[in-house]
Amino acid sequence: QKQLVESGGGLVQPGGSLRLSCAASGFTLDHYAIAWYRQVPGKEREGVSCVSSDPDSTYYADSVKGRFAISRDNAKNTVYLQMDSLKPEDTAVYYCGAEIATGFVCIISPQYDYTYWGQGTQVTVSS
């Protein structure tokens, strides 16, 4: 069974850091594009970042550029989202999604539907 499992969420003060992990089981991520999305109740889902099968092909939402960094470790079958300089508006449930990569691009538009999704991990930024 193909699954994605997110971890690493929690409560952090403004200005702090967290690293989220997205681990795959039942398939290998080598040829998959991976994206991180987040959602706050009552708001539209927001694409945060994605990485194509080429680890140097990454994309970020304007709201997180310069603060978040996505990376992949194919040996560990895991994708990470390093989140620095966190703000209260980063509070959300964060989900990772995966699909077979098409070229060296990936998508973070709000309505895009990846093939596989994790269950989400809560990130709360508050003093």
Foldseek 3Di string as FASTA:
>chain_A
DWAWAKDFADEAAQQAKIKIKIAIPPDFCLQKKKWKWWDDPPDFIFTAKIWGSPQVQMDGDPVQPPFWDWGDDRVRSMIMIIGGSDDQVVWTWMKMAMAGGDPGHDDTDRPDDGPHMHPTDTHGYHD
